[in-house]
Amino acid sequence: MSEFLESPSDSGKSSVLSLRAEDLDELLTRAAERGAERALSSLGLENGHAAADIRDLRGLIEAWRDARRTAWQTVIRVVTTGVLALLLIGAAIKLKLMGSNP
């Protein structure tokens, strides 16, 4: 890394660090990678299997969403079938198709 560091002046002011754009980009990239590694580590995903673990989690979430969607569809079908059955029974009673004939 090519850098230029000025020594502190006699007045006690802080030093100035000058970096080339490529060096600054490399420094920022390394800092971002270290930050990402720390974040993954804090989540317990530091063992190199983080990508597979995250794919598994996404798969589980998708399966949960599918199960929830299917459950709602089933509830709606059961309610619809029940309402239609009640309408048919009511129509049959109204038309005296069911029940005892005196």
N, C-alpha and C. Protein backbone atom coordinates (compact mmCIF):
# COMPACT_ATOMS: atom_id res chain seq x y z
N MET A 1 0.84 -1.16 0.00
CA MET A 1 0.00 0.00 0.00
C MET A 1 0.89 1.23 0.00
N SER A 2 0.68 2.09 -0.92
CA SER A 2 1.49 3.29 -1.00
C SER A 2 0.77 4.38 -0.22
N GLU A 3 1.39 4.86 0.82
CA GLU A 3 0.76 5.88 1.63
C GLU A 3 1.77 6.96 1.99
N PHE A 4 1.27 8.08 2.31
CA PHE A 4 2.12 9.21 2.68
C PHE A 4 1.61 9.73 4.01
N LEU A 5 2.46 9.71 4.99
CA LEU A 5 2.07 10.16 6.32
C LEU A 5 2.94 11.34 6.69
N GLU A 6 2.29 12.45 6.92
CA GLU A 6 3.03 13.63 7.34
C GLU A 6 3.26 13.56 8.83
N SER A 7 4.40 14.00 9.25
CA SER A 7 4.68 13.99 10.68
C SER A 7 3.94 15.13 11.35
N PRO A 8 3.63 14.95 12.63
CA PRO A 8 2.91 16.01 13.33
C PRO A 8 3.74 17.29 13.38
N SER A 9 3.06 18.36 13.23
CA SER A 9 3.76 19.64 13.27
C SER A 9 4.06 20.02 14.72
N ASP A 10 4.81 21.03 14.87
CA ASP A 10 5.19 21.48 16.21
C ASP A 10 4.00 22.00 17.00
N SER A 11 2.95 22.39 16.30
CA SER A 11 1.79 22.95 16.99
C SER A 11 0.91 21.86 17.61
N GLY A 12 1.21 20.58 17.37
CA GLY A 12 0.45 19.49 17.97
C GLY A 12 -0.77 19.06 17.18
N LYS A 13 -0.91 19.54 15.96
CA LYS A 13 -2.06 19.14 15.14
C LYS A 13 -1.88 17.69 14.70
N SER A 14 -2.97 17.02 14.40
CA SER A 14 -2.92 15.62 14.01
C SER A 14 -2.30 15.44 12.63
N SER A 15 -1.87 14.22 12.36
CA SER A 15 -1.24 13.88 11.09
C SER A 15 -2.28 13.73 10.00
N VAL A 16 -1.82 13.85 8.77
CA VAL A 16 -2.69 13.69 7.61
C VAL A 16 -2.23 12.45 6.87
N LEU A 17 -3.16 11.57 6.55
CA LEU A 17 -2.86 10.35 5.83
C LEU A 17 -3.42 10.49 4.43
N SER A 18 -2.58 10.30 3.45
CA SER A 18 -3.01 10.44 2.06
C SER A 18 -2.87 9.09 1.38
N LEU A 19 -3.95 8.60 0.76
CA LEU A 19 -3.97 7.30 0.09
C LEU A 19 -4.37 7.47 -1.36
N ARG A 20 -3.82 6.60 -2.19
CA ARG A 20 -4.27 6.56 -3.57
C ARG A 20 -5.67 5.95 -3.59
N ALA A 21 -6.42 6.19 -4.64
CA ALA A 21 -7.79 5.68 -4.75
C ALA A 21 -7.81 4.15 -4.67
N GLU A 22 -6.84 3.49 -5.32
CA GLU A 22 -6.80 2.02 -5.30
C GLU A 22 -6.55 1.51 -3.89
N ASP A 23 -5.66 2.18 -3.17
CA ASP A 23 -5.35 1.77 -1.80
C ASP A 23 -6.55 2.00 -0.88
N LEU A 24 -7.23 3.11 -1.07
CA LEU A 24 -8.42 3.38 -0.27
C LEU A 24 -9.50 2.33 -0.55
N ASP A 25 -9.66 1.98 -1.83
CA ASP A 25 -10.64 0.96 -2.20
C ASP A 25 -10.29 -0.39 -1.55
N GLU A 26 -9.02 -0.76 -1.56
CA GLU A 26 -8.58 -2.00 -0.94
C GLU A 26 -8.82 -1.97 0.57
N LEU A 27 -8.52 -0.85 1.18
CA LEU A 27 -8.72 -0.71 2.62
C LEU A 27 -10.21 -0.82 2.98
N LEU A 28 -11.07 -0.18 2.22
CA LEU A 28 -12.50 -0.24 2.47
C LEU A 28 -13.05 -1.65 2.22
N THR A 29 -12.53 -2.32 1.20
CA THR A 29 -12.97 -3.69 0.91
C THR A 29 -12.60 -4.62 2.06
N ARG A 30 -11.38 -4.51 2.55
CA ARG A 30 -10.96 -5.35 3.68
C ARG A 30 -11.78 -5.05 4.93
N ALA A 31 -12.07 -3.78 5.16
CA ALA A 31 -12.88 -3.41 6.33
C ALA A 31 -14.29 -3.97 6.20
N ALA A 32 -14.85 -3.92 5.00
CA ALA A 32 -16.19 -4.46 4.78
C ALA A 32 -16.20 -5.97 4.98
N GLU A 33 -15.18 -6.65 4.48
CA GLU A 33 -15.09 -8.10 4.65
C GLU A 33 -14.98 -8.47 6.13
N ARG A 34 -14.16 -7.73 6.86
CA ARG A 34 -14.03 -8.00 8.30
C ARG A 34 -15.35 -7.75 9.03
N GLY A 35 -16.04 -6.70 8.64
CA GLY A 35 -17.35 -6.41 9.24
C GLY A 35 -18.34 -7.51 8.95
N ALA A 36 -18.35 -8.00 7.72
CA ALA A 36 -19.26 -9.09 7.35
C ALA A 36 -18.91 -10.36 8.12
N GLU A 37 -17.62 -10.64 8.26
CA GLU A 37 -17.21 -11.82 9.03
C GLU A 37 -17.65 -11.71 10.48
N ARG A 38 -17.52 -10.53 11.06
CA ARG A 38 -17.97 -10.32 12.44
C ARG A 38 -19.48 -10.50 12.57
N ALA A 39 -20.21 -9.96 11.59
CA ALA A 39 -21.68 -10.09 11.63
C ALA A 39 -22.09 -11.56 11.54
N LEU A 40 -21.46 -12.31 10.62
CA LEU A 40 -21.77 -13.73 10.50
C LEU A 40 -21.38 -14.48 11.76
N SER A 41 -20.26 -14.11 12.33
CA SER A 41 -19.81 -14.75 13.57
C SER A 41 -20.79 -14.51 14.71
N SER A 42 -21.29 -13.29 14.79
CA SER A 42 -22.24 -12.98 15.86
C SER A 42 -23.56 -13.75 15.69
N LEU A 43 -23.86 -14.18 14.45
CA LEU A 43 -25.06 -14.97 14.18
C LEU A 43 -24.78 -16.47 14.25
N GLY A 44 -23.53 -16.83 14.51
CA GLY A 44 -23.17 -18.24 14.59
C GLY A 44 -22.98 -18.88 13.23
N LEU A 45 -22.67 -18.09 12.22
CA LEU A 45 -22.51 -18.59 10.86
C LEU A 45 -21.07 -18.42 10.36
N GLU A 46 -20.11 -18.54 11.25
CA GLU A 46 -18.73 -18.26 10.89
C GLU A 46 -17.95 -19.46 10.40
N ASN A 47 -18.53 -20.64 10.37
CA ASN A 47 -17.77 -21.84 10.07
C ASN A 47 -17.61 -22.13 8.58
N GLY A 48 -17.89 -21.23 7.73
CA GLY A 48 -17.73 -21.45 6.29
C GLY A 48 -18.94 -22.06 5.62
N HIS A 49 -19.92 -22.45 6.40
CA HIS A 49 -21.14 -23.04 5.83
C HIS A 49 -22.29 -22.03 5.86
N ALA A 50 -21.96 -20.78 5.96
CA ALA A 50 -23.00 -19.75 6.09
C ALA A 50 -23.93 -19.73 4.90
N ALA A 51 -23.40 -19.87 3.69
CA ALA A 51 -24.25 -19.82 2.50
C ALA A 51 -25.25 -20.97 2.51
N ALA A 52 -24.76 -22.17 2.84
CA ALA A 52 -25.66 -23.33 2.89
C ALA A 52 -26.69 -23.16 4.01
N ASP A 53 -26.26 -22.64 5.16
CA ASP A 53 -27.19 -22.43 6.27
C ASP A 53 -28.27 -21.42 5.90
N ILE A 54 -27.89 -20.36 5.24
CA ILE A 54 -28.86 -19.33 4.84
C ILE A 54 -29.82 -19.89 3.79
N ARG A 55 -29.29 -20.71 2.86
CA ARG A 55 -30.19 -21.36 1.88
C ARG A 55 -31.19 -22.26 2.59
N ASP A 56 -30.70 -23.01 3.58
CA ASP A 56 -31.61 -23.88 4.35
C ASP A 56 -32.67 -23.07 5.06
N LEU A 57 -32.27 -21.95 5.67
CA LEU A 57 -33.24 -21.10 6.35
C LEU A 57 -34.27 -20.54 5.38
N ARG A 58 -33.81 -20.13 4.22
CA ARG A 58 -34.75 -19.63 3.21
C ARG A 58 -35.71 -20.72 2.77
N GLY A 59 -35.19 -21.95 2.63
CA GLY A 59 -36.04 -23.08 2.27
C GLY A 59 -37.09 -23.35 3.34
N LEU A 60 -36.68 -23.27 4.61
CA LEU A 60 -37.64 -23.48 5.70
C LEU A 60 -38.71 -22.40 5.73
N ILE A 61 -38.30 -21.17 5.50
CA ILE A 61 -39.27 -20.07 5.49
C ILE A 61 -40.25 -20.25 4.33
N GLU A 62 -39.73 -20.65 3.18
CA GLU A 62 -40.60 -20.86 2.02
C GLU A 62 -41.57 -22.02 2.28
N ALA A 63 -41.07 -23.08 2.92
CA ALA A 63 -41.95 -24.21 3.25
C ALA A 63 -43.04 -23.78 4.24
N TRP A 64 -42.66 -22.95 5.21
CA TRP A 64 -43.64 -22.44 6.18
C TRP A 64 -44.72 -21.62 5.46
N ARG A 65 -44.30 -20.77 4.54
CA ARG A 65 -45.26 -19.95 3.79
C ARG A 65 -46.19 -20.82 2.96
N ASP A 66 -45.62 -21.87 2.32
CA ASP A 66 -46.46 -22.79 1.54
C ASP A 66 -47.46 -23.51 2.42
N ALA A 67 -47.01 -23.97 3.60
CA ALA A 67 -47.91 -24.68 4.52
C ALA A 67 -49.02 -23.76 5.01
N ARG A 68 -48.66 -22.51 5.32
CA ARG A 68 -49.67 -21.55 5.78
C ARG A 68 -50.68 -21.26 4.67
N ARG A 69 -50.19 -21.10 3.45
CA ARG A 69 -51.07 -20.83 2.31
C ARG A 69 -52.00 -22.02 2.07
N THR A 70 -51.45 -23.23 2.14
CA THR A 70 -52.26 -24.43 1.95
C THR A 70 -53.31 -24.57 3.05
N ALA A 71 -52.94 -24.25 4.28
CA ALA A 71 -53.90 -24.33 5.39
C ALA A 71 -55.06 -23.38 5.16
N TRP A 72 -54.77 -22.15 4.74
CA TRP A 72 -55.85 -21.19 4.47
C TRP A 72 -56.74 -21.66 3.32
N GLN A 73 -56.12 -22.21 2.28
CA GLN A 73 -56.90 -22.72 1.16
C GLN A 73 -57.81 -23.86 1.60
N THR A 74 -57.29 -24.71 2.48
CA THR A 74 -58.10 -25.82 3.00
C THR A 74 -59.26 -25.31 3.83
N VAL A 75 -59.02 -24.34 4.68
CA VAL A 75 -60.09 -23.76 5.49
C VAL A 75 -61.17 -23.16 4.60
N ILE A 76 -60.76 -22.44 3.59
CA ILE A 76 -61.73 -21.81 2.68
C ILE A 76 -62.53 -22.87 1.93
N ARG A 77 -61.86 -23.96 1.49
CA ARG A 77 -62.59 -25.03 0.79
C ARG A 77 -63.59 -25.71 1.71
N VAL A 78 -63.20 -25.98 2.95
CA VAL A 78 -64.11 -26.64 3.89
C VAL A 78 -65.32 -25.76 4.17
N VAL A 79 -65.09 -24.47 4.40
CA VAL A 79 -66.21 -23.55 4.67
C VAL A 79 -67.11 -23.46 3.44
N THR A 80 -66.53 -23.35 2.27
CA THR A 80 -67.33 -23.27 1.04
C THR A 80 -68.14 -24.54 0.84
N THR A 81 -67.51 -25.69 1.04
CA THR A 81 -68.22 -26.96 0.89
C THR A 81 -69.36 -27.06 1.90
N GLY A 82 -69.10 -26.63 3.14
CA GLY A 82 -70.14 -26.66 4.17
C GLY A 82 -71.32 -25.78 3.81
N VAL A 83 -71.04 -24.58 3.32
CA VAL A 83 -72.12 -23.66 2.94
C VAL A 83 -72.92 -24.24 1.78
N LEU A 84 -72.24 -24.79 0.79
CA LEU A 84 -72.96 -25.39 -0.34
C LEU A 84 -73.77 -26.60 0.09
N ALA A 85 -73.23 -27.41 1.00
CA ALA A 85 -73.99 -28.57 1.50
C ALA A 85 -75.24 -28.11 2.24
N LEU A 86 -75.11 -27.08 3.06
CA LEU A 86 -76.28 -26.55 3.78
C LEU A 86 -77.32 -26.00 2.81
N LEU A 87 -76.87 -25.33 1.75
CA LEU A 87 -77.81 -24.83 0.74
C LEU A 87 -78.54 -25.98 0.04
N LEU A 88 -77.82 -27.04 -0.29
CA LEU A 88 -78.45 -28.19 -0.93
C LEU A 88 -79.44 -28.87 0.01
N ILE A 89 -79.08 -29.02 1.27
CA ILE A 89 -80.00 -29.62 2.25
C ILE A 89 -81.23 -28.75 2.42
N GLY A 90 -81.00 -27.43 2.50
CA GLY A 90 -82.14 -26.50 2.63
C GLY A 90 -83.04 -26.57 1.41
N ALA A 91 -82.47 -26.64 0.21
CA ALA A 91 -83.28 -26.74 -1.01
C ALA A 91 -84.03 -28.06 -1.04
N ALA A 92 -83.39 -29.14 -0.61
CA ALA A 92 -84.05 -30.45 -0.59
C ALA A 92 -85.21 -30.46 0.39
N ILE A 93 -85.04 -29.86 1.54
CA ILE A 93 -86.12 -29.78 2.53
C ILE A 93 -87.25 -28.91 1.98
N LYS A 94 -86.88 -27.81 1.36
CA LYS A 94 -87.89 -26.90 0.81
C LYS A 94 -88.71 -27.60 -0.27
N LEU A 95 -88.06 -28.40 -1.07
CA LEU A 95 -88.75 -29.11 -2.13
C LEU A 95 -89.31 -30.44 -1.69
N LYS A 96 -89.21 -30.73 -0.41
CA LYS A 96 -89.73 -31.93 0.23
C LYS A 96 -89.16 -33.20 -0.40
N LEU A 97 -87.88 -33.14 -0.75
CA LEU A 97 -87.22 -34.31 -1.27
C LEU A 97 -86.68 -35.19 -0.15
N MET A 98 -86.53 -34.59 1.01
CA MET A 98 -86.04 -35.33 2.16
C MET A 98 -87.12 -35.31 3.24
N GLY A 99 -87.02 -36.23 4.12
CA GLY A 99 -87.97 -36.26 5.23
C GLY A 99 -89.05 -37.29 4.96
N SER A 100 -89.94 -37.44 5.90
CA SER A 100 -91.00 -38.45 5.78
C SER A 100 -92.17 -37.87 4.99
N ASN A 101 -92.76 -38.71 4.19
CA ASN A 101 -93.94 -38.31 3.43
C ASN A 101 -95.16 -38.87 4.15
N PRO A 102 -96.09 -38.04 4.64
CA PRO A 102 -97.29 -38.54 5.36
C PRO A 102 -98.35 -39.06 4.44
